[in-house]
Protein backbone atom coordinates (compact mmCIF):
# COMPACT_ATOMS: atom_id res chain seq x y z
CA MET A 1 10.99 45.26 -12.52
CA LYS A 2 12.64 45.78 -9.17
CA TRP A 3 9.45 44.88 -7.27
CA ILE A 4 9.38 41.41 -8.93
CA TYR A 5 12.80 40.61 -7.46
CA LYS A 6 11.74 41.91 -4.09
CA PHE A 7 8.61 39.75 -4.17
CA ALA A 8 10.67 36.72 -5.24
CA ARG A 9 13.07 37.32 -2.36
CA PHE A 10 10.11 37.70 0.00
CA MET A 11 8.55 34.41 -1.19
CA ASN A 12 11.83 32.50 -0.79
CA GLY A 13 11.25 29.80 1.80
CA ARG A 14 7.45 30.19 1.77
CA TYR A 15 5.02 27.45 0.81
CA GLY A 16 3.08 28.93 -2.13
CA ILE A 17 0.32 27.33 -4.21
CA ASP A 18 -0.75 23.68 -4.08
CA GLU A 19 -3.91 21.62 -4.75
CA LEU A 20 -5.56 22.51 -1.48
CA TYR A 21 -4.94 26.24 -2.20
CA LYS A 22 -6.60 25.84 -5.63
CA PHE A 23 -9.59 24.14 -4.02
CA LEU A 24 -9.95 26.83 -1.41
CA PHE A 25 -9.69 29.49 -4.11
CA LYS A 26 -12.58 27.82 -6.00
CA ILE A 27 -14.64 27.68 -2.81
CA TYR A 28 -13.87 31.39 -2.20
CA ILE A 29 -15.04 32.34 -5.71
CA ILE A 30 -18.24 30.28 -5.29
CA LEU A 31 -18.94 31.97 -1.92
CA LEU A 32 -18.26 35.36 -3.46
CA ILE A 33 -20.78 34.74 -6.23
CA VAL A 34 -23.40 33.44 -3.76
CA ASP A 35 -22.74 36.48 -1.59
CA ILE A 36 -23.49 38.83 -4.47
CA PHE A 37 -27.02 37.42 -4.73
CA THR A 38 -27.85 36.66 -1.11
CA LYS A 39 -26.12 39.33 1.00
CA ASN A 40 -25.96 36.95 4.00
CA ASN A 41 -23.63 37.67 6.92
CA ILE A 42 -22.80 33.99 7.41
CA ILE A 43 -21.53 33.70 3.83
CA ILE A 44 -19.44 36.86 4.32
CA TYR A 45 -17.80 35.29 7.43
CA LEU A 46 -17.21 32.04 5.56
CA GLU A 47 -15.56 33.99 2.75
CA LEU A 48 -13.31 35.75 5.25
CA ILE A 49 -12.34 32.47 6.93
CA VAL A 50 -11.51 30.75 3.62
CA PHE A 51 -9.59 33.85 2.42
CA VAL A 52 -7.51 34.11 5.59
CA PHE A 53 -6.77 30.33 5.68
CA MET A 54 -5.87 30.39 1.99
CA PHE A 55 -3.34 33.17 2.36
CA TYR A 56 -2.03 31.84 5.67
CA ARG A 57 -1.11 28.65 3.87
CA PHE A 58 0.31 30.58 0.86
CA PHE A 59 2.70 32.71 2.94
CA SER A 60 3.55 30.08 5.55
CA LYS A 61 7.17 29.12 6.22
CA ASN A 62 6.15 25.83 7.89
CA ILE A 63 6.44 23.79 4.70
CA LYS A 64 6.31 20.43 6.43
CA ALA A 65 2.89 21.16 8.02
CA ARG A 66 1.47 22.58 4.75
CA LYS A 67 2.64 19.48 2.82
CA LYS A 68 0.96 17.28 5.43
CA GLU A 69 -2.31 19.25 5.05
CA ASN A 70 -2.11 18.98 1.25
CA LYS A 71 -1.38 15.23 1.44
CA LEU A 72 -4.43 14.70 3.64
CA TYR A 73 -6.58 16.75 1.21
CA LEU A 74 -5.37 14.67 -1.77
CA LYS A 75 -6.04 11.44 0.16
CA ILE A 76 -9.63 12.53 0.88
CA VAL A 77 -10.14 13.55 -2.75
CA LYS A 78 -8.90 10.17 -3.94
CA ILE A 79 -11.30 8.36 -1.58
CA ILE A 80 -14.19 10.48 -2.88
CA LYS A 81 -13.30 9.99 -6.57
CA LYS A 82 -12.57 6.25 -6.37
CA PRO A 83 -16.20 4.98 -6.79
CA PHE A 84 -16.61 7.09 -9.94
CA LEU A 85 -13.40 5.87 -11.62
CA ASN A 86 -15.04 2.91 -13.37
CA ILE A 87 -17.89 5.13 -14.58
CA LYS A 88 -15.32 7.51 -16.14
CA ARG A 89 -13.43 4.60 -17.72
CA ASN A 90 -16.68 3.19 -19.14
CA ILE A 91 -17.52 6.53 -20.70
CA ASP A 92 -13.99 7.14 -22.12
CA ASP A 93 -13.23 3.63 -23.43
CA LYS A 94 -15.52 2.76 -26.36
CA GLU A 95 -14.22 -0.80 -26.78
CA HIS A 96 -14.43 -2.24 -23.23
CA ILE A 97 -16.56 -2.33 -20.09
CA TYR A 98 -14.91 -2.07 -16.68
CA LYS A 99 -16.42 -4.04 -13.79
CA LYS A 100 -15.06 -4.71 -10.30
CA CYS A 101 -15.50 -8.21 -8.86
CA SER A 102 -17.54 -7.95 -5.68
CA LYS A 103 -15.72 -10.81 -3.98
CA CYS A 104 -11.99 -10.28 -4.72
CA LYS A 105 -12.14 -6.61 -5.85
CA THR A 106 -10.21 -7.33 -9.09
CA LEU A 107 -10.91 -4.87 -11.86
CA LEU A 108 -12.06 -6.70 -14.99
CA LYS A 109 -11.71 -5.21 -18.45
CA LEU A 110 -14.43 -6.82 -20.50
CA PRO A 111 -14.81 -6.46 -24.28
CA LEU A 112 -18.18 -5.28 -25.51
CA PRO A 113 -20.58 -8.14 -26.47
CA ASP A 114 -22.56 -8.60 -29.73
CA LYS A 115 -25.91 -7.61 -28.25
CA ILE A 116 -27.09 -4.96 -25.87
CA GLY A 117 -28.42 -6.34 -22.55
CA ILE A 118 -27.43 -8.36 -19.46
CA LYS A 119 -24.42 -10.68 -19.79
CA HIS A 120 -22.81 -13.09 -17.27
CA VAL A 121 -19.04 -13.33 -16.82
CA LYS A 122 -16.77 -15.37 -14.52
CA CYS A 123 -13.96 -13.65 -12.57
CA PRO A 124 -10.69 -15.41 -13.52
CA LYS A 125 -9.22 -14.94 -10.05
CA CYS A 126 -12.00 -16.15 -7.72
CA LYS A 127 -14.37 -17.79 -10.29
CA LYS A 128 -17.37 -15.76 -9.05
CA ARG A 129 -20.12 -15.19 -11.59
CA LEU A 130 -20.75 -11.48 -12.35
CA THR A 131 -23.69 -9.85 -14.09
CA VAL A 132 -22.81 -7.00 -16.48
CA PHE A 133 -25.25 -4.74 -18.25
CA CYS A 134 -23.99 -3.87 -21.75
CA TYR A 135 -25.33 -0.71 -23.30
CA ARG A 136 -23.17 -0.61 -26.47
CA LYS A 137 -23.13 -3.08 -29.35
CA GLU A 138 -19.74 -4.55 -30.25
CA LYS A 139 -18.14 -7.96 -30.77
CA ILE A 140 -16.85 -9.99 -27.75
CA GLU A 141 -13.31 -11.38 -27.86
CA ILE A 142 -11.80 -11.95 -24.41
CA ILE A 143 -13.31 -12.00 -20.94
CA THR A 144 -10.66 -10.23 -18.81
CA ASN A 145 -7.33 -8.52 -18.73
CA ASN A 146 -5.46 -9.05 -15.44
CA LYS A 147 -3.11 -6.06 -15.78
CA TYR A 148 -5.83 -3.82 -14.28
CA LYS A 149 -5.95 -4.61 -10.57
CA ASN A 150 -7.45 -2.53 -7.83
CA SER A 151 -4.81 -1.04 -5.55
């Protein structure tokens, strides 16, 4: 048990694990698996670079710089995931369809209509007419809910 306390004392003031570290670890595992099948020197060097960078960040005492790197990584991930957010909402929510207005970028929460097919809706904010394809059959009640706005 003594080594656990020594390691805890050693890690005091060091950065540790964050989201970027987890991502780098996943990349490292993928490269390791690919390396098993291909035996390519380039992949071995990429593994080494990822491994060294991963542990450099883990043991770093420059917490401010590591937080800045992680914040940049999270910002990039958010930008990449943003276009797929409405697709995920449409799959998860069985009672509504989510559509973004192309003019004012307001997120509209539309109830499912009676019939499957193409429907037309007006944006309550800018009055632009939107075309929505409905692939599930439910009853329509309201056109929009303004509490969901794009930030």
